[in-house]
């Protein structure tokens, strides 16, 4: 019985953690330095968050397409290899790209 309660508590904690992660996309963009290149004054040829959100909108509700985009994002395809993109975890990249697909606000 104690095992079941512990297991339930772990599932609840993970669920709450994932919810918090999903709601923390704008702070994640700051934490991971995304704003340095894609913020108010985009660096070099980096697209702004607004442009990225417009491009990513086609993936809203398309988990398979989003997953494929996450892989490309992290491996540098079709763009040049960007160290910051390659260092980010798949889970965090998924949250950030989903945030952009939903408008990036």
N, C-alpha and C. Protein backbone atom coordinates (compact mmCIF):
# COMPACT_ATOMS: atom_id res chain seq x y z
N UNK A 1 0.82 -1.19 0.00
CA UNK A 1 0.00 0.00 0.00
C UNK A 1 0.87 1.26 0.00
N UNK A 2 1.94 1.24 0.80
CA UNK A 2 2.84 2.40 0.85
C UNK A 2 3.48 2.62 -0.51
N UNK A 3 3.80 1.51 -1.22
CA UNK A 3 4.41 1.61 -2.54
C UNK A 3 3.46 2.32 -3.51
N UNK A 4 2.19 1.97 -3.47
CA UNK A 4 1.19 2.56 -4.36
C UNK A 4 1.06 4.05 -4.07
N UNK A 5 1.05 4.43 -2.80
CA UNK A 5 0.96 5.86 -2.46
C UNK A 5 2.19 6.60 -2.95
N UNK A 6 3.37 6.01 -2.80
CA UNK A 6 4.60 6.63 -3.25
C UNK A 6 4.59 6.77 -4.77
N UNK A 7 4.15 5.71 -5.44
CA UNK A 7 4.07 5.74 -6.90
C UNK A 7 3.10 6.83 -7.36
N UNK A 8 1.96 6.94 -6.72
CA UNK A 8 0.97 7.96 -7.07
C UNK A 8 1.53 9.35 -6.83
N UNK A 9 2.25 9.52 -5.73
CA UNK A 9 2.85 10.82 -5.42
C UNK A 9 3.88 11.19 -6.49
N UNK A 10 4.66 10.22 -6.95
CA UNK A 10 5.66 10.48 -7.99
C UNK A 10 4.99 10.87 -9.31
N UNK A 11 3.93 10.17 -9.67
CA UNK A 11 3.20 10.50 -10.90
C UNK A 11 2.63 11.90 -10.81
N UNK A 12 2.06 12.25 -9.67
CA UNK A 12 1.50 13.58 -9.48
C UNK A 12 2.59 14.63 -9.57
N UNK A 13 3.71 14.40 -8.93
CA UNK A 13 4.82 15.36 -8.95
C UNK A 13 5.34 15.56 -10.37
N UNK A 14 5.47 14.47 -11.13
CA UNK A 14 5.93 14.58 -12.51
C UNK A 14 4.92 15.34 -13.36
N UNK A 15 3.65 15.08 -13.15
CA UNK A 15 2.60 15.77 -13.90
C UNK A 15 2.63 17.26 -13.61
N UNK A 16 2.75 17.61 -12.35
CA UNK A 16 2.81 19.02 -11.98
C UNK A 16 4.06 19.67 -12.53
N UNK A 17 5.16 18.95 -12.51
CA UNK A 17 6.41 19.47 -13.04
C UNK A 17 6.31 19.72 -14.54
N UNK A 18 5.71 18.81 -15.28
CA UNK A 18 5.55 18.99 -16.71
C UNK A 18 4.61 20.14 -17.01
N UNK A 19 3.57 20.31 -16.21
CA UNK A 19 2.66 21.43 -16.39
C UNK A 19 3.40 22.74 -16.17
N UNK A 20 4.20 22.79 -15.12
CA UNK A 20 4.98 24.00 -14.84
C UNK A 20 5.96 24.27 -15.97
N UNK A 21 6.59 23.22 -16.50
CA UNK A 21 7.53 23.38 -17.60
C UNK A 21 6.81 23.91 -18.83
N UNK A 22 5.65 23.37 -19.12
CA UNK A 22 4.90 23.81 -20.29
C UNK A 22 4.45 25.25 -20.18
N UNK A 23 4.18 25.71 -18.98
CA UNK A 23 3.73 27.09 -18.78
C UNK A 23 4.89 28.06 -18.66
N UNK A 24 6.10 27.56 -18.61
CA UNK A 24 7.25 28.40 -18.38
C UNK A 24 8.04 28.67 -19.66
N UNK A 25 7.40 28.66 -20.80
CA UNK A 25 8.12 28.77 -22.05
C UNK A 25 8.81 30.11 -22.26
N UNK A 26 8.14 31.22 -21.95
CA UNK A 26 8.79 32.52 -22.08
C UNK A 26 9.98 32.63 -21.13
N UNK A 27 9.84 32.22 -19.86
CA UNK A 27 11.01 32.22 -18.99
C UNK A 27 12.10 31.25 -19.47
N UNK A 28 11.71 30.13 -20.07
CA UNK A 28 12.70 29.20 -20.62
C UNK A 28 13.48 29.86 -21.76
N UNK A 29 12.79 30.62 -22.58
CA UNK A 29 13.45 31.32 -23.68
C UNK A 29 14.50 32.30 -23.15
N UNK A 30 14.22 32.89 -22.02
CA UNK A 30 15.19 33.77 -21.38
C UNK A 30 16.31 32.96 -20.74
N UNK A 31 15.93 31.92 -20.01
CA UNK A 31 16.92 31.09 -19.31
C UNK A 31 17.92 30.46 -20.26
N UNK A 32 17.47 29.99 -21.41
CA UNK A 32 18.35 29.32 -22.36
C UNK A 32 19.00 30.29 -23.35
N UNK A 33 18.77 31.57 -23.19
CA UNK A 33 19.43 32.57 -24.03
C UNK A 33 18.80 32.79 -25.39
N UNK A 34 17.62 32.24 -25.62
CA UNK A 34 16.96 32.40 -26.91
C UNK A 34 16.74 33.88 -27.23
N UNK A 35 16.42 34.65 -26.20
CA UNK A 35 16.15 36.08 -26.40
C UNK A 35 17.38 36.83 -26.88
N UNK A 36 18.56 36.29 -26.61
CA UNK A 36 19.79 36.97 -27.06
C UNK A 36 19.85 37.07 -28.57
N UNK A 37 19.35 36.08 -29.27
CA UNK A 37 19.38 36.09 -30.74
C UNK A 37 18.02 36.38 -31.37
N UNK A 38 16.93 35.98 -30.70
CA UNK A 38 15.61 36.07 -31.31
C UNK A 38 14.69 37.08 -30.64
N UNK A 39 15.22 37.85 -29.69
CA UNK A 39 14.42 38.80 -28.91
C UNK A 39 14.05 40.05 -29.68
N UNK A 40 13.86 41.13 -28.95
CA UNK A 40 13.40 42.40 -29.52
C UNK A 40 14.31 42.87 -30.65
N UNK A 41 15.60 42.76 -30.46
CA UNK A 41 16.57 43.13 -31.50
C UNK A 41 17.32 41.88 -31.94
N UNK A 42 16.77 41.14 -32.92
CA UNK A 42 17.40 39.89 -33.33
C UNK A 42 18.86 40.10 -33.76
N UNK A 43 19.67 39.12 -33.42
CA UNK A 43 21.11 39.18 -33.73
C UNK A 43 21.36 38.67 -35.14
N UNK A 44 22.09 39.44 -35.91
CA UNK A 44 22.46 39.03 -37.27
C UNK A 44 21.24 38.69 -38.10
N UNK A 45 21.25 37.50 -38.66
CA UNK A 45 20.14 37.05 -39.50
C UNK A 45 19.14 36.19 -38.75
N UNK A 46 19.26 36.15 -37.43
CA UNK A 46 18.34 35.33 -36.64
C UNK A 46 16.92 35.89 -36.75
N UNK A 47 15.94 35.01 -36.98
CA UNK A 47 14.56 35.49 -37.06
C UNK A 47 14.03 35.86 -35.67
N UNK A 48 13.12 36.81 -35.63
CA UNK A 48 12.51 37.22 -34.37
C UNK A 48 11.55 36.14 -33.88
N UNK A 49 11.16 36.22 -32.61
CA UNK A 49 10.18 35.28 -32.07
C UNK A 49 8.88 35.36 -32.87
N UNK A 50 8.49 36.56 -33.29
CA UNK A 50 7.25 36.74 -34.04
C UNK A 50 7.31 35.97 -35.37
N UNK A 51 8.44 36.08 -36.07
CA UNK A 51 8.59 35.36 -37.33
C UNK A 51 8.64 33.85 -37.09
N UNK A 52 9.36 33.44 -36.06
CA UNK A 52 9.41 32.01 -35.74
C UNK A 52 8.03 31.47 -35.39
N UNK A 53 7.27 32.25 -34.61
CA UNK A 53 5.91 31.82 -34.23
C UNK A 53 5.03 31.67 -35.48
N UNK A 54 5.16 32.61 -36.41
CA UNK A 54 4.36 32.53 -37.64
C UNK A 54 4.72 31.26 -38.43
N UNK A 55 6.02 30.95 -38.51
CA UNK A 55 6.45 29.76 -39.24
C UNK A 55 6.06 28.48 -38.51
N UNK A 56 6.11 28.51 -37.19
CA UNK A 56 5.81 27.31 -36.39
C UNK A 56 4.31 27.08 -36.23
N UNK A 57 3.49 28.05 -36.56
CA UNK A 57 2.04 27.91 -36.34
C UNK A 57 1.45 26.70 -37.06
N UNK A 58 2.07 26.28 -38.15
CA UNK A 58 1.55 25.11 -38.88
C UNK A 58 1.70 23.82 -38.08
N UNK A 59 2.51 23.83 -37.03
CA UNK A 59 2.71 22.64 -36.20
C UNK A 59 1.79 22.61 -34.98
N UNK A 60 0.95 23.63 -34.82
CA UNK A 60 0.05 23.66 -33.67
C UNK A 60 -0.89 22.47 -33.75
N UNK A 61 -0.85 21.63 -32.71
CA UNK A 61 -1.69 20.44 -32.65
C UNK A 61 -1.15 19.25 -33.44
N UNK A 62 0.00 19.41 -34.08
CA UNK A 62 0.60 18.34 -34.88
C UNK A 62 1.83 17.82 -34.14
N UNK A 63 1.61 16.89 -33.22
CA UNK A 63 2.70 16.39 -32.38
C UNK A 63 3.78 15.67 -33.20
N UNK A 64 3.38 14.93 -34.24
CA UNK A 64 4.36 14.23 -35.07
C UNK A 64 5.24 15.24 -35.82
N UNK A 65 4.62 16.25 -36.38
CA UNK A 65 5.37 17.29 -37.09
C UNK A 65 6.27 18.06 -36.14
N UNK A 66 5.77 18.35 -34.95
CA UNK A 66 6.55 19.07 -33.95
C UNK A 66 7.76 18.23 -33.52
N UNK A 67 7.56 16.95 -33.32
CA UNK A 67 8.66 16.06 -32.93
C UNK A 67 9.74 16.04 -34.01
N UNK A 68 9.32 16.00 -35.26
CA UNK A 68 10.27 16.02 -36.37
C UNK A 68 11.04 17.33 -36.40
N UNK A 69 10.34 18.41 -36.15
CA UNK A 69 10.97 19.74 -36.13
C UNK A 69 11.98 19.84 -34.98
N UNK A 70 11.66 19.25 -33.84
CA UNK A 70 12.58 19.26 -32.69
C UNK A 70 13.90 18.58 -33.06
N UNK A 71 13.81 17.45 -33.75
CA UNK A 71 15.02 16.73 -34.16
C UNK A 71 15.85 17.61 -35.10
N UNK A 72 15.20 18.22 -36.07
CA UNK A 72 15.92 19.08 -37.02
C UNK A 72 16.53 20.29 -36.31
N UNK A 73 15.78 20.86 -35.40
CA UNK A 73 16.25 22.02 -34.63
C UNK A 73 17.52 21.69 -33.86
N UNK A 74 17.52 20.52 -33.22
CA UNK A 74 18.66 20.14 -32.37
C UNK A 74 19.86 19.67 -33.17
N UNK A 75 19.67 19.25 -34.41
CA UNK A 75 20.78 18.76 -35.22
C UNK A 75 21.27 19.79 -36.23
N UNK A 76 20.65 20.95 -36.26
CA UNK A 76 21.11 22.01 -37.15
C UNK A 76 20.53 21.98 -38.55
N UNK A 77 19.56 21.12 -38.80
CA UNK A 77 18.95 21.08 -40.13
C UNK A 77 17.71 21.96 -40.15
N UNK A 78 17.39 22.63 -41.16
CA UNK A 78 18.17 22.87 -42.37
C UNK A 78 19.14 24.04 -42.20
N UNK A 79 19.20 24.58 -41.01
CA UNK A 79 20.08 25.72 -40.73
C UNK A 79 21.50 25.26 -40.50
N UNK A 80 22.36 26.22 -40.30
CA UNK A 80 23.71 25.89 -39.87
C UNK A 80 23.66 25.36 -38.45
N UNK A 81 24.71 24.69 -38.06
CA UNK A 81 24.74 24.17 -36.69
C UNK A 81 24.89 25.32 -35.71
N UNK A 82 24.00 25.36 -34.73
CA UNK A 82 24.00 26.41 -33.72
C UNK A 82 24.19 25.72 -32.38
N UNK A 83 25.32 25.99 -31.74
CA UNK A 83 25.66 25.30 -30.49
C UNK A 83 24.55 25.35 -29.46
N UNK A 84 23.94 26.52 -29.28
CA UNK A 84 22.88 26.67 -28.28
C UNK A 84 21.70 25.74 -28.58
N UNK A 85 21.38 25.56 -29.84
CA UNK A 85 20.28 24.67 -30.22
C UNK A 85 20.65 23.21 -29.95
N UNK A 86 21.89 22.86 -30.23
CA UNK A 86 22.33 21.48 -30.09
C UNK A 86 22.50 21.06 -28.63
N UNK A 87 22.75 22.03 -27.75
CA UNK A 87 22.94 21.71 -26.33
C UNK A 87 21.64 21.54 -25.56
N UNK A 88 20.56 22.05 -26.08
CA UNK A 88 19.28 22.02 -25.37
C UNK A 88 18.70 20.59 -25.42
N UNK A 89 18.05 20.19 -24.34
CA UNK A 89 17.46 18.84 -24.31
C UNK A 89 16.26 18.76 -25.25
N UNK A 90 15.94 17.54 -25.65
CA UNK A 90 14.77 17.33 -26.52
C UNK A 90 13.49 17.79 -25.83
N UNK A 91 13.38 17.54 -24.53
CA UNK A 91 12.17 17.94 -23.78
C UNK A 91 12.02 19.46 -23.76
N UNK A 92 13.10 20.16 -23.50
CA UNK A 92 13.04 21.62 -23.46
C UNK A 92 12.79 22.18 -24.85
N UNK A 93 13.45 21.62 -25.86
CA UNK A 93 13.22 22.07 -27.23
C UNK A 93 11.76 21.88 -27.63
N UNK A 94 11.18 20.77 -27.22
CA UNK A 94 9.77 20.51 -27.52
C UNK A 94 8.88 21.57 -26.88
N UNK A 95 9.15 21.89 -25.64
CA UNK A 95 8.35 22.92 -24.95
C UNK A 95 8.49 24.26 -25.65
N UNK A 96 9.71 24.64 -26.00
CA UNK A 96 9.92 25.93 -26.65
C UNK A 96 9.30 25.98 -28.04
N UNK A 97 9.44 24.92 -28.81
CA UNK A 97 8.86 24.93 -30.15
C UNK A 97 7.33 24.86 -30.10
N UNK A 98 6.78 24.14 -29.13
CA UNK A 98 5.33 24.12 -28.97
C UNK A 98 4.84 25.51 -28.59
N UNK A 99 5.59 26.19 -27.72
CA UNK A 99 5.26 27.56 -27.31
C UNK A 99 5.22 28.46 -28.54
N UNK A 100 6.20 28.33 -29.42
CA UNK A 100 6.21 29.13 -30.64
C UNK A 100 5.04 28.76 -31.54
N UNK A 101 4.75 27.47 -31.67
CA UNK A 101 3.63 27.03 -32.51
C UNK A 101 2.30 27.59 -32.01
N UNK A 102 2.23 27.83 -30.70
CA UNK A 102 1.01 28.38 -30.11
C UNK A 102 1.02 29.90 -30.04
N UNK A 103 1.97 30.52 -30.70
CA UNK A 103 2.00 31.98 -30.79
C UNK A 103 3.16 32.65 -30.07
N UNK A 104 3.88 31.93 -29.24
CA UNK A 104 5.05 32.48 -28.58
C UNK A 104 4.79 33.62 -27.63
N UNK A 105 3.64 33.61 -26.99
CA UNK A 105 3.33 34.72 -26.07
C UNK A 105 3.20 34.21 -24.65
